[in-house]
Amino acid sequence: MPDVVTVGPVSRIEGHAKITVQLDDAGTVNDARLHVTEFRGFEQFCLGRPVWEMPSLTARTCGICPVSHLLAAAQAGDAIMGVKPPATARRLRRLANLAQLTQSHALSFFHLSGPDLLLGMDADPKLRNVFGLIHVEPEIARRGIRLRAFGQSVIEAVAGRKVHSPGIVPGGVAQPLSEQTRDEIRAGLPEALSTAKFALELYLRVADRFEREIAALGRFPSYFLGLANDDWTWAHHDGHLKIIDSSGRIMGDRIEPRLYADWIGEAAVVDSYLKTPYLKPAVPPGGAVAAGMYRVGPLARVNLCHTMGTPLADAALVEFRQRAGSPALSSFHYHHARLVEVIACLEQMERLLDDPLLTGPTVRAEGRVSRTHGVGVSEAPRGTLVHDYTVDEDGLLTDITMIIATGHNALAMNATLAQAAREFIHGRDIPEGVLNRLEAGVRAYDPCLSCSTHALGRMPLEVEVTGPSGEVLGTARRG
């Protein structure tokens, strides 16, 4: 193959990574891996900071979904202070998270994965990006931008800013929501819901073109983990942890979030800065952590629930299961699950906006350090987010563990790459469309590899093809 293969100007993956594909002596794929090549170190430089500062500080972990970190950090602070946020604050937190899911899923579908889904995996890479989509389908791109803007406006209304908001704090939220602002949010809901239904219809029209990708991009048995409610209704905030296997059998249920470490372990790998979480009970003594592979995020949340809890989303869930199965096992179905969730988010927002408690005046419970340990768990757009804090008597952090949603999917992303490589790579020559399918296998998870804003950036992606002895037989490089 040539030394350099040019791939389009926009990667549509947030962050920096490298893919390696290893061939055996016969020239067939032996393995493929994703290497996250950047390091930020939040768990280290947060040490010594006061717990009250953690929501604002850890929100900087991610420019795409800062609300997720605000919520998990604030929950950990609630536990350390021994307080329960007032009813109004709990509703406002839920509203902010629904808006967060909406805006992030809109970004993923319309701008990051939309060029593949709507223009085709083999489209000209000069066109196969958000700018190409704007050129070919300007109305689709415009509606995606408007839907994301609606979600961002709700976040701003609740939390003070669209990005790195200061308004979600230990004990509740910083400010009440005025009736005028509530009515302004309500006025934007019809357009947002119309766009969400439009996006789902659009996806269903094109999904049948990707039968091979559905079969090859992450279709395998795994466990699924996420927050759940006692009545099996879709959960995105609060609740307990639930785990099912690939047949739908419950492996763990009603797991208190503070006990997550009894179930989830983390392994370090030598070729990536991304940690590798795994399910401890699934790994036999001395066994490989891959036996504990699980998935989180929209696919897991939809697989875990029996109902979305709202009429339009429940109808969408029925069609999802008719197409994808129950549980759905292909990671390609993450795209479909996101759109089901957006509809559920908007319907649940409407219900919250009709709740008179939403504009109540009491939004924060005050307290002091009453415990030295607290755990916050919330559902980020990409999956379950864990903030685990230990503090001293002054509330200063002495230990911190953050399990980012993308990290939970590390084993599954590697398994997806290996499966995709075996399906599409045959020999040392890698056509551009095949290279894009490898990216698409990762992109289905909507990973936030750096937890910072690189949505429209140029990801320095490198694919290496190596022989059985590790010698590099060829590269495909971009950036």
Protein backbone atom coordinates (compact mmCIF):
# COMPACT_ATOMS: atom_id res chain seq x y z
CA MET A 1 0.00 0.00 0.00
CA PRO A 2 1.20 3.62 -0.40
CA ASP A 3 2.95 5.18 2.59
CA VAL A 4 0.28 7.85 3.01
CA VAL A 5 -3.46 7.57 2.49
CA THR A 6 -5.33 10.88 2.53
CA VAL A 7 -8.55 10.88 4.55
CA GLY A 8 -11.04 13.75 4.62
CA PRO A 9 -10.47 17.11 6.34
CA VAL A 10 -12.83 16.47 9.26
CA SER A 11 -12.53 13.39 11.44
CA ARG A 12 -15.77 13.65 13.40
CA ILE A 13 -14.24 12.01 16.46
CA GLU A 14 -13.57 14.14 19.52
CA GLY A 15 -9.93 13.79 20.45
CA HIS A 16 -6.71 12.19 19.29
CA ALA A 17 -6.20 8.49 18.67
CA LYS A 18 -4.35 5.92 16.65
CA ILE A 19 -5.55 2.59 15.29
CA THR A 20 -3.23 -0.36 14.74
CA VAL A 21 -4.19 -3.41 12.72
CA GLN A 22 -2.03 -6.53 13.00
CA LEU A 23 -1.88 -9.13 10.22
CA ASP A 24 -0.79 -12.73 10.55
CA ASP A 25 1.52 -14.60 8.18
CA ALA A 26 -1.35 -15.25 5.79
CA GLY A 27 -2.13 -11.54 5.51
CA THR A 28 -5.39 -11.74 7.39
CA VAL A 29 -6.29 -9.57 10.38
CA ASN A 30 -5.13 -10.90 13.71
CA ASP A 31 -6.13 -7.96 15.91
CA ALA A 32 -6.93 -4.25 15.86
CA ARG A 33 -6.69 -1.73 18.68
CA LEU A 34 -7.58 1.84 19.50
CA HIS A 35 -4.85 3.87 21.20
CA VAL A 36 -5.84 7.11 22.93
CA THR A 37 -2.69 9.21 22.75
CA GLU A 38 -3.44 12.17 25.01
CA PHE A 39 -3.41 12.57 28.78
CA ARG A 40 -5.08 15.24 30.92
CA GLY A 41 -4.77 14.05 34.51
CA PHE A 42 -7.88 15.50 36.17
CA GLU A 43 -7.75 12.92 38.94
CA GLN A 44 -4.33 14.22 39.98
CA PHE A 45 -4.66 17.97 39.75
CA CYS A 46 -8.03 17.93 41.55
CA LEU A 47 -6.32 16.62 44.69
CA GLY A 48 -6.33 19.23 47.43
CA ARG A 49 -9.24 21.17 45.96
CA PRO A 50 -12.36 21.81 48.11
CA VAL A 51 -15.33 19.59 47.35
CA TRP A 52 -17.55 22.65 46.79
CA GLU A 53 -15.31 23.62 43.88
CA MET A 54 -15.47 20.25 42.14
CA PRO A 55 -18.59 20.74 39.95
CA SER A 56 -17.16 23.88 38.35
CA LEU A 57 -13.66 22.39 38.09
CA THR A 58 -14.60 18.99 36.68
CA ALA A 59 -17.05 20.55 34.23
CA ARG A 60 -13.88 21.57 32.38
CA THR A 61 -13.25 17.88 31.74
CA CYS A 62 -15.58 18.07 28.76
CA GLY A 63 -16.73 20.91 26.53
CA ILE A 64 -19.37 18.69 24.89
CA CYS A 65 -21.13 17.42 28.01
CA PRO A 66 -20.05 19.53 30.99
CA VAL A 67 -23.48 19.19 32.61
CA SER A 68 -22.79 15.49 33.12
CA HIS A 69 -19.74 16.29 35.23
CA LEU A 70 -21.59 19.05 37.06
CA LEU A 71 -24.30 16.59 38.08
CA ALA A 72 -21.99 13.75 39.13
CA ALA A 73 -19.72 16.11 41.08
CA ALA A 74 -22.68 17.82 42.75
CA GLN A 75 -24.12 14.43 43.74
CA ALA A 76 -20.81 13.43 45.32
CA GLY A 77 -20.88 16.76 47.18
CA ASP A 78 -24.45 16.09 48.33
CA ALA A 79 -23.31 12.80 49.85
CA ILE A 80 -20.29 14.32 51.58
CA MET A 81 -22.41 17.10 53.07
CA GLY A 82 -25.19 14.67 53.97
CA VAL A 83 -27.88 16.79 52.31
CA LYS A 84 -30.78 16.07 49.99
CA PRO A 85 -31.42 18.76 47.37
CA PRO A 86 -34.89 20.33 47.52
CA ALA A 87 -37.59 19.00 45.22
CA THR A 88 -37.32 21.99 42.90
CA ALA A 89 -33.55 21.56 42.59
CA ARG A 90 -33.92 17.88 41.76
CA ARG A 91 -36.33 18.75 38.96
CA LEU A 92 -34.04 21.44 37.60
CA ARG A 93 -31.10 19.05 37.60
CA ARG A 94 -33.16 16.53 35.64
CA LEU A 95 -34.20 19.24 33.18
CA ALA A 96 -30.56 20.20 32.63
CA ASN A 97 -29.58 16.58 32.01
CA LEU A 98 -32.41 16.08 29.52
CA ALA A 99 -31.19 19.16 27.68
CA GLN A 100 -27.62 17.85 27.81
CA LEU A 101 -28.62 14.54 26.23
CA THR A 102 -30.63 16.35 23.57
CA GLN A 103 -27.90 18.73 22.44
CA SER A 104 -25.13 16.12 22.50
CA HIS A 105 -27.15 13.49 20.62
CA ALA A 106 -28.08 16.13 18.04
CA LEU A 107 -24.40 16.89 17.52
CA SER A 108 -23.59 13.20 17.17
CA PHE A 109 -26.33 12.37 14.68
CA PHE A 110 -26.41 15.43 12.46
CA HIS A 111 -22.76 16.49 12.43
CA LEU A 112 -20.47 13.64 13.47
CA SER A 113 -22.15 10.50 12.12
CA GLY A 114 -24.64 12.13 9.75
CA PRO A 115 -22.14 12.44 6.88
CA ASP A 116 -21.61 8.65 6.93
CA LEU A 117 -25.28 7.83 7.33
CA LEU A 118 -26.69 10.37 4.88
CA LEU A 119 -23.89 10.69 2.30
CA GLY A 120 -22.48 7.16 2.52
CA MET A 121 -19.41 5.47 3.96
CA ASP A 122 -17.67 5.58 0.58
CA ALA A 123 -18.55 9.18 -0.28
CA ASP A 124 -15.76 11.52 -1.32
CA PRO A 125 -13.95 12.43 1.92
CA LYS A 126 -13.84 16.06 0.77
CA LEU A 127 -17.63 15.99 0.95
CA ARG A 128 -18.15 13.47 3.77
CA ASN A 129 -18.14 15.92 6.66
CA VAL A 130 -20.42 18.47 8.26
CA PHE A 131 -19.58 21.11 5.66
CA GLY A 132 -20.39 18.69 2.87
CA LEU A 133 -23.67 17.89 4.56
CA ILE A 134 -24.46 21.60 4.77
CA HIS A 135 -23.74 21.88 1.05
CA VAL A 136 -25.77 18.82 -0.02
CA GLU A 137 -28.57 18.91 2.56
CA PRO A 138 -28.67 22.44 4.02
CA GLU A 139 -32.12 22.01 5.60
CA ILE A 140 -31.05 18.85 7.44
CA ALA A 141 -27.92 20.57 8.74
CA ARG A 142 -29.91 23.66 9.76
CA ARG A 143 -32.43 21.61 11.72
CA GLY A 144 -29.62 19.79 13.50
CA ILE A 145 -28.03 23.09 14.48
CA ARG A 146 -31.38 24.40 15.75
CA LEU A 147 -32.04 21.27 17.83
CA ARG A 148 -28.64 21.48 19.47
CA ALA A 149 -29.13 25.20 20.10
CA PHE A 150 -32.42 24.46 21.86
CA GLY A 151 -30.74 22.01 24.22
CA GLN A 152 -27.97 24.50 24.92
CA SER A 153 -30.48 27.25 25.66
CA VAL A 154 -32.18 25.07 28.28
CA ILE A 155 -28.82 24.35 29.91
CA GLU A 156 -28.10 28.08 30.01
CA ALA A 157 -31.50 28.80 31.55
CA VAL A 158 -31.02 26.26 34.35
CA ALA A 159 -27.28 26.41 35.00
CA GLY A 160 -26.23 29.91 33.97
CA ARG A 161 -24.09 29.18 30.90
CA LYS A 162 -24.20 26.85 27.92
CA VAL A 163 -20.72 25.46 28.61
CA HIS A 164 -18.95 24.98 31.97
CA SER A 165 -22.01 26.31 33.78
CA PRO A 166 -21.71 27.54 37.40
CA GLY A 167 -25.29 26.87 38.43
CA ILE A 168 -25.33 23.20 39.52
CA VAL A 169 -23.77 22.95 42.96
CA PRO A 170 -23.58 20.63 45.97
CA GLY A 171 -26.94 20.85 47.71
CA GLY A 172 -28.95 21.71 44.61
CA VAL A 173 -28.72 24.52 42.07
CA ALA A 174 -27.65 28.12 42.41
CA GLN A 175 -30.74 29.96 41.15
CA PRO A 176 -34.48 29.31 40.78
CA LEU A 177 -36.08 29.19 37.33
CA SER A 178 -38.42 32.07 36.58
CA GLU A 179 -41.86 31.49 35.10
CA GLN A 180 -40.90 33.67 32.14
CA THR A 181 -37.85 31.52 31.37
CA ARG A 182 -39.94 28.37 31.79
CA ASP A 183 -42.41 29.69 29.23
CA GLU A 184 -39.59 30.55 26.82
CA ILE A 185 -38.31 26.98 27.03
CA ARG A 186 -41.80 25.63 26.49
CA ALA A 187 -42.19 27.76 23.36
CA GLY A 188 -39.18 26.04 21.77
CA LEU A 189 -40.35 22.49 22.41
CA PRO A 190 -42.66 22.00 19.38
CA GLU A 191 -39.89 22.76 16.88
CA ALA A 192 -37.40 20.63 18.79
CA LEU A 193 -39.76 17.66 18.92
CA SER A 194 -40.59 18.04 15.24
CA THR A 195 -36.88 17.91 14.40
CA ALA A 196 -36.35 14.87 16.62
CA LYS A 197 -39.13 12.98 14.84
CA PHE A 198 -37.74 14.14 11.49
CA ALA A 199 -34.28 12.83 12.42
CA LEU A 200 -35.66 9.43 13.42
CA GLU A 201 -37.63 9.15 10.17
CA LEU A 202 -34.52 10.13 8.25
CA TYR A 203 -32.44 7.46 9.97
CA LEU A 204 -35.06 4.76 9.36
CA ARG A 205 -35.07 5.60 5.64
CA VAL A 206 -31.33 5.03 5.29
CA ALA A 207 -30.62 2.33 7.91
CA ASP A 208 -31.34 -0.58 5.55
CA ARG A 209 -28.40 0.50 3.39
CA PHE A 210 -26.01 -0.53 6.15
CA GLU A 211 -26.79 -4.20 6.68
CA ARG A 212 -23.13 -5.17 6.38
CA GLU A 213 -22.04 -2.44 8.79
CA ILE A 214 -24.75 -3.41 11.28
CA ALA A 215 -23.42 -6.96 11.21
CA ALA A 216 -19.73 -6.00 11.39
CA LEU A 217 -19.45 -2.85 13.52
CA GLY A 218 -19.68 -4.15 17.05
CA ARG A 219 -22.20 -6.96 16.80
CA PHE A 220 -21.25 -9.33 19.59
CA PRO A 221 -22.45 -10.44 23.03
CA SER A 222 -21.55 -8.23 25.98
CA TYR A 223 -22.95 -7.02 29.25
CA PHE A 224 -24.84 -3.73 29.44
CA LEU A 225 -24.70 -1.33 32.39
CA GLY A 226 -26.54 1.84 33.31
CA LEU A 227 -28.86 3.58 35.71
CA ALA A 228 -32.32 2.07 36.07
CA ASN A 229 -35.57 2.68 37.90
CA ASP A 230 -37.52 0.13 39.94
CA ASP A 231 -40.37 0.16 37.41
CA TRP A 232 -37.98 -0.52 34.47
CA THR A 233 -38.64 2.94 33.01
CA TRP A 234 -35.76 4.53 31.07
CA ALA A 235 -33.40 6.30 33.47
CA HIS A 236 -30.97 9.16 32.94
CA HIS A 237 -30.45 10.58 36.43
CA ASP A 238 -30.73 9.18 39.96
CA GLY A 239 -31.89 5.58 40.29
CA HIS A 240 -29.72 2.52 40.86
CA LEU A 241 -27.26 0.62 38.69
CA LYS A 242 -28.40 -2.39 36.71
CA ILE A 243 -26.46 -4.91 34.63
CA ILE A 244 -27.84 -7.38 32.08
CA ASP A 245 -26.13 -9.88 29.82
CA SER A 246 -26.54 -10.28 26.07
CA SER A 247 -29.67 -12.41 26.51
CA GLY A 248 -31.32 -9.85 28.76
CA ARG A 249 -30.75 -11.84 31.95
CA ILE A 250 -30.17 -9.62 34.99
CA MET A 251 -26.66 -9.95 36.33
CA GLY A 252 -26.92 -7.19 38.93
CA ASP A 253 -29.89 -5.11 40.04
CA ARG A 254 -30.63 -2.34 42.55
CA ILE A 255 -26.91 -1.71 42.97
CA GLU A 256 -26.43 1.42 45.02
CA PRO A 257 -24.21 3.80 43.03
CA ARG A 258 -21.87 4.19 46.01
CA LEU A 259 -21.11 0.46 45.72
CA TYR A 260 -20.08 0.64 42.06
CA ALA A 261 -16.50 -0.46 42.90
CA ASP A 262 -17.80 -3.85 44.05
CA TRP A 263 -18.77 -4.47 40.44
CA ILE A 264 -16.44 -2.38 38.27
CA GLY A 265 -12.67 -2.75 38.15
CA GLU A 266 -10.20 -0.74 36.08
CA ALA A 267 -7.17 -2.11 34.24
CA ALA A 268 -4.34 -0.09 32.76
CA VAL A 269 -2.97 -0.90 29.31
CA VAL A 270 0.46 -0.07 27.96
CA ASP A 271 -0.68 1.30 24.61
CA SER A 272 -3.38 3.81 25.57
CA TYR A 273 -4.10 6.51 28.14
CA LEU A 274 -7.71 5.32 28.24
CA LYS A 275 -8.34 3.09 31.23
CA THR A 276 -10.11 -0.23 30.68
CA PRO A 277 -13.01 -0.84 33.06
CA TYR A 278 -14.46 -4.35 33.34
CA LEU A 279 -17.10 -6.19 35.34
CA LYS A 280 -15.37 -7.94 38.23
CA PRO A 281 -17.91 -10.77 38.71
CA ALA A 282 -17.56 -11.77 35.04
CA VAL A 283 -13.80 -12.27 35.17
CA PRO A 284 -12.63 -15.60 36.67
CA PRO A 285 -9.55 -15.58 38.90
CA GLY A 286 -6.53 -15.04 36.71
CA GLY A 287 -8.74 -14.53 33.67
CA ALA A 288 -8.52 -11.83 31.02
CA VAL A 289 -10.45 -8.65 31.74
CA ALA A 290 -12.03 -8.92 28.27
CA ALA A 291 -14.42 -11.46 29.80
CA GLY A 292 -15.90 -8.54 31.73
CA MET A 293 -16.58 -6.39 28.67
CA TYR A 294 -19.71 -4.27 28.90
CA ARG A 295 -21.28 -1.35 27.09
CA VAL A 296 -22.85 1.84 28.41
CA GLY A 297 -24.66 4.76 26.82
CA PRO A 298 -27.80 5.00 24.69
CA LEU A 299 -27.68 1.37 23.53
CA ALA A 300 -27.31 0.11 27.10
CA ARG A 301 -29.97 2.44 28.52
CA VAL A 302 -32.50 1.39 25.86
CA ASN A 303 -31.63 -2.28 26.38
CA LEU A 304 -32.06 -1.96 30.16
CA CYS A 305 -35.54 -0.43 30.17
CA HIS A 306 -38.97 -1.87 29.42
CA THR A 307 -40.50 1.51 28.63
CA MET A 308 -39.23 4.99 27.83
CA GLY A 309 -42.07 6.39 29.92
CA THR A 310 -43.61 8.67 27.26
CA PRO A 311 -45.93 7.84 24.33
CA LEU A 312 -43.89 8.92 21.28
CA ALA A 313 -40.68 7.48 22.67
CA ASP A 314 -42.41 4.21 23.55
CA ALA A 315 -43.66 3.89 19.98
CA ALA A 316 -40.11 4.54 18.79
CA LEU A 317 -38.83 1.91 21.24
CA VAL A 318 -41.16 -0.70 19.78
CA GLU A 319 -39.80 -0.06 16.27
CA PHE A 320 -36.23 -0.04 17.60
CA ARG A 321 -36.68 -3.51 19.06
CA GLN A 322 -38.35 -4.81 15.92
CA ARG A 323 -35.30 -3.75 13.92
CA ALA A 324 -32.47 -4.25 16.38
CA GLY A 325 -33.67 -7.00 18.71
CA SER A 326 -33.89 -7.02 22.47
CA PRO A 327 -31.28 -6.68 23.71
CA ALA A 328 -29.79 -5.01 20.63
CA LEU A 329 -26.24 -6.32 20.20
CA SER A 330 -24.82 -4.27 17.31
CA SER A 331 -23.07 -1.05 18.28
CA PHE A 332 -24.27 0.41 14.98
CA HIS A 333 -27.65 0.67 16.72
CA TYR A 334 -26.25 3.35 19.02
CA HIS A 335 -27.30 5.80 16.29
CA HIS A 336 -30.92 4.64 16.44
CA ALA A 337 -30.96 4.52 20.26
CA ARG A 338 -29.79 8.15 20.48
CA LEU A 339 -32.75 9.32 18.46
CA VAL A 340 -35.19 7.34 20.60
CA GLU A 341 -33.64 9.03 23.62
CA VAL A 342 -33.95 12.53 22.15
CA ILE A 343 -37.69 12.04 21.70
CA ALA A 344 -37.96 10.78 25.29
CA CYS A 345 -35.95 13.76 26.54
CA LEU A 346 -38.19 16.30 24.87
CA GLU A 347 -41.38 14.60 26.05
CA GLN A 348 -40.05 14.45 29.61
CA MET A 349 -39.02 18.10 29.42
CA GLU A 350 -42.59 18.96 28.54
CA ARG A 351 -43.84 17.15 31.63
CA LEU A 352 -41.31 18.89 33.86
CA LEU A 353 -42.26 22.28 32.46
CA ASP A 354 -45.87 21.62 33.48
CA ASP A 355 -44.83 20.80 37.05
CA PRO A 356 -45.49 23.81 39.34
CA LEU A 357 -42.57 22.75 41.58
CA LEU A 358 -40.14 23.50 38.76
CA THR A 359 -40.29 27.23 39.48
CA GLY A 360 -40.29 26.93 43.25
CA PRO A 361 -38.08 29.33 45.23
CA THR A 362 -36.13 26.81 47.37
CA VAL A 363 -33.31 25.35 45.31
CA ARG A 364 -30.40 24.59 47.62
CA ALA A 365 -29.79 22.73 50.87
CA GLU A 366 -26.89 24.00 52.95
CA GLY A 367 -24.57 21.74 54.87
CA ARG A 368 -21.07 21.05 56.09
CA VAL A 369 -18.76 18.11 55.64
CA SER A 370 -20.45 15.24 57.46
CA ARG A 371 -18.84 12.31 55.62
CA THR A 372 -15.40 11.81 54.17
CA HIS A 373 -16.58 9.85 51.15
CA GLY A 374 -19.17 10.50 48.46
CA VAL A 375 -20.05 9.05 45.07
CA GLY A 376 -22.03 10.71 42.30
CA VAL A 377 -23.36 8.72 39.33
CA SER A 378 -25.29 10.21 36.44
CA GLU A 379 -25.98 9.25 32.84
CA ALA A 380 -23.90 11.32 30.43
CA PRO A 381 -24.81 11.27 26.73
CA ARG A 382 -22.12 8.63 26.18
CA GLY A 383 -23.00 6.56 29.24
CA THR A 384 -22.65 6.16 32.98
CA LEU A 385 -20.39 8.73 34.62
CA VAL A 386 -18.84 8.11 38.06
CA HIS A 387 -17.29 10.69 40.39
CA ASP A 388 -15.87 9.17 43.58
CA TYR A 389 -14.43 11.63 46.13
CA THR A 390 -12.67 11.19 49.46
CA VAL A 391 -12.10 14.34 51.53
CA ASP A 392 -10.49 15.35 54.79
CA GLU A 393 -12.34 17.07 57.63
CA ASP A 394 -12.00 20.43 55.84
CA GLY A 395 -13.58 19.10 52.65
CA LEU A 396 -10.33 18.98 50.67
CA LEU A 397 -9.96 16.13 48.17
CA THR A 398 -7.51 13.44 49.28
CA ASP A 399 -8.53 10.88 46.65
CA ILE A 400 -10.59 10.98 43.48
CA THR A 401 -11.70 8.47 40.89
CA MET A 402 -13.52 9.53 37.73
CA ILE A 403 -14.75 6.83 35.37
CA ILE A 404 -15.67 8.66 32.18
CA ALA A 405 -18.48 7.20 30.08
CA THR A 406 -16.20 6.58 27.08
CA GLY A 407 -13.86 4.59 29.32
CA HIS A 408 -16.55 2.04 30.12
CA ASN A 409 -16.74 1.29 26.40
CA ALA A 410 -12.98 0.84 25.94
CA LEU A 411 -13.06 -2.96 25.65
CA ALA A 412 -16.09 -2.83 23.37
CA MET A 413 -14.49 -0.25 21.07
CA ASN A 414 -11.43 -2.47 20.68
CA ALA A 415 -13.63 -5.50 19.99
CA THR A 416 -15.54 -3.47 17.42
CA LEU A 417 -12.34 -2.44 15.65
CA ALA A 418 -11.13 -6.03 15.51
CA GLN A 419 -14.46 -7.22 14.12
CA ALA A 420 -14.62 -4.44 11.54
CA ALA A 421 -11.02 -4.99 10.46
CA ARG A 422 -11.61 -8.71 9.92
CA GLU A 423 -14.69 -7.99 7.87
CA PHE A 424 -13.34 -5.23 5.65
CA ILE A 425 -9.53 -5.57 5.47
CA HIS A 426 -8.14 -8.24 3.16
CA GLY A 427 -4.44 -7.78 2.61
CA ARG A 428 -2.22 -4.76 2.97
CA ASP A 429 -4.10 -2.43 0.66
CA ILE A 430 -6.69 -0.46 2.66
CA PRO A 431 -9.10 1.59 0.52
CA GLU A 432 -10.21 4.92 1.95
CA GLY A 433 -13.77 3.70 2.48
CA VAL A 434 -12.50 0.83 4.61
CA LEU A 435 -10.42 3.22 6.68
CA ASN A 436 -13.55 5.28 7.23
CA ARG A 437 -15.46 2.17 8.36
CA LEU A 438 -12.83 1.58 11.03
CA GLU A 439 -13.40 5.13 12.22
CA ALA A 440 -17.17 4.60 11.99
CA GLY A 441 -16.89 1.59 14.27
CA VAL A 442 -15.43 3.87 16.94
CA ARG A 443 -17.68 6.77 15.99
CA ALA A 444 -20.80 4.70 16.73
CA TYR A 445 -19.93 5.05 20.43
CA ASP A 446 -19.65 8.83 20.00
CA PRO A 447 -16.47 8.76 22.09
CA CYS A 448 -15.11 11.81 23.82
CA LEU A 449 -11.50 10.70 23.80
CA SER A 450 -10.04 13.88 25.16
CA CYS A 451 -13.13 15.14 27.01
CA SER A 452 -12.69 18.46 25.26
CA THR A 453 -14.16 20.17 22.21
CA HIS A 454 -12.75 18.74 18.98
CA ALA A 455 -16.04 18.12 17.22
CA LEU A 456 -14.98 19.84 14.03
CA GLY A 457 -11.26 19.36 14.38
CA ARG A 458 -8.83 17.35 12.35
CA MET A 459 -7.98 14.22 14.32
CA PRO A 460 -4.43 12.98 13.70
CA LEU A 461 -5.46 9.39 12.92
CA GLU A 462 -2.90 6.76 12.06
CA VAL A 463 -3.59 3.15 11.10
CA GLU A 464 -0.63 0.78 11.15
CA VAL A 465 -0.64 -2.66 9.56
CA THR A 466 1.94 -4.88 11.24
CA GLY A 467 3.18 -8.38 10.64
CA PRO A 468 3.18 -11.19 13.21
CA SER A 469 6.58 -10.11 14.51
CA GLY A 470 5.51 -6.53 14.96
CA GLU A 471 7.19 -5.11 11.86
CA VAL A 472 5.24 -2.28 10.24
CA LEU A 473 4.07 -3.38 6.80
CA GLY A 474 2.25 -0.18 5.93
CA THR A 475 0.51 2.87 7.32
CA ALA A 476 -2.50 4.99 6.56
CA ARG A 477 -1.95 8.38 8.10
CA ARG A 478 -3.96 11.57 8.37
CA GLY A 479 -3.21 14.78 10.20
